[in-house]
C-alpha atoms as a PDB file:
ATOM      1  CA  MET A   1     183.121 154.191  77.466  1.00  0.00           C
ATOM      2  CA  GLU A   2     184.217 156.783  74.861  1.00  0.00           C
ATOM      3  CA  LYS A   3     186.019 155.412  71.881  1.00  0.00           C
ATOM      4  CA  LYS A   4     189.147 157.537  70.974  1.00  0.00           C
ATOM      5  CA  PRO A   5     189.891 158.315  67.277  1.00  0.00           C
ATOM      6  CA  LEU A   6     192.765 156.868  65.609  1.00  0.00           C
ATOM      7  CA  VAL A   7     195.718 159.257  65.310  1.00  0.00           C
ATOM      8  CA  LEU A   8     198.039 159.098  62.346  1.00  0.00           C
ATOM      9  CA  CYS A   9     201.580 160.036  63.331  1.00  0.00           C
ATOM     10  CA  ASP A  10     204.214 161.322  60.785  1.00  0.00           C
ATOM     11  CA  THR A  11     207.864 160.864  60.677  1.00  0.00           C
ATOM     12  CA  ASN A  12     208.534 163.991  62.755  1.00  0.00           C
ATOM     13  CA  ILE A  13     206.695 162.582  65.695  1.00  0.00           C
ATOM     14  CA  LEU A  14     208.516 159.397  65.646  1.00  0.00           C
ATOM     15  CA  ILE A  15     211.823 161.199  65.583  1.00  0.00           C
ATOM     16  CA  GLU A  16     210.903 163.306  68.483  1.00  0.00           C
ATOM     17  CA  PHE A  17     209.773 160.171  70.359  1.00  0.00           C
ATOM     18  CA  TYR A  18     213.109 158.479  69.801  1.00  0.00           C
ATOM     19  CA  LYS A  19     214.744 161.699  70.878  1.00  0.00           C
ATOM     20  CA  GLU A  20     212.986 161.214  74.208  1.00  0.00           C
ATOM     21  CA  ASN A  21     211.024 164.610  73.782  1.00  0.00           C
ATOM     22  CA  TRP A  22     208.905 164.272  76.938  1.00  0.00           C
ATOM     23  CA  SER A  23     206.128 166.448  75.567  1.00  0.00           C
ATOM     24  CA  VAL A  24     205.610 164.165  72.599  1.00  0.00           C
ATOM     25  CA  ILE A  25     205.806 161.042  74.855  1.00  0.00           C
ATOM     26  CA  GLU A  26     203.183 162.376  77.312  1.00  0.00           C
ATOM     27  CA  ASN A  27     200.935 163.310  74.278  1.00  0.00           C
ATOM     28  CA  LEU A  28     201.320 159.839  72.840  1.00  0.00           C
ATOM     29  CA  LYS A  29     200.585 158.247  76.236  1.00  0.00           C
ATOM     30  CA  GLY A  30     197.388 160.334  76.371  1.00  0.00           C
ATOM     31  CA  ILE A  31     196.321 159.181  72.956  1.00  0.00           C
ATOM     32  CA  GLY A  32     197.132 155.468  73.916  1.00  0.00           C
ATOM     33  CA  GLN A  33     199.078 152.852  71.967  1.00  0.00           C
ATOM     34  CA  GLN A  34     195.953 151.244  70.508  1.00  0.00           C
ATOM     35  CA  ASN A  35     194.924 154.590  68.965  1.00  0.00           C
ATOM     36  CA  ILE A  36     198.197 155.450  67.228  1.00  0.00           C
ATOM     37  CA  ALA A  37     198.773 154.572  63.564  1.00  0.00           C
ATOM     38  CA  VAL A  38     201.868 155.119  61.231  1.00  0.00           C
ATOM     39  CA  SER A  39     201.278 155.134  57.416  1.00  0.00           C
ATOM     40  CA  ILE A  40     203.407 152.646  55.227  1.00  0.00           C
ATOM     41  CA  VAL A  41     205.113 155.937  53.858  1.00  0.00           C
ATOM     42  CA  THR A  42     206.135 157.137  57.187  1.00  0.00           C
ATOM     43  CA  TRP A  43     207.355 153.616  58.287  1.00  0.00           C
ATOM     44  CA  VAL A  44     209.570 153.340  55.179  1.00  0.00           C
ATOM     45  CA  ASN A  45     210.845 156.902  55.626  1.00  0.00           C
ATOM     46  CA  PHE A  46     211.665 156.330  59.207  1.00  0.00           C
ATOM     47  CA  TYR A  47     213.044 152.819  59.205  1.00  0.00           C
ATOM     48  CA  LEU A  48     214.963 152.986  55.974  1.00  0.00           C
ATOM     49  CA  VAL A  49     216.453 156.438  56.304  1.00  0.00           C
ATOM     50  CA  HIS A  50     217.283 156.304  60.082  1.00  0.00           C
END
């Protein structure tokens, strides 16, 4: 089974996800939850600002 690479998502991806942008949602589904990462900087930016 092929192991997928880890994908680092920036704030703009999270914003589009929460805006229910279906293109972003489908891309994230294709990547798989276990292969998605968010940096601490993005986490702080997203959760403290929004």
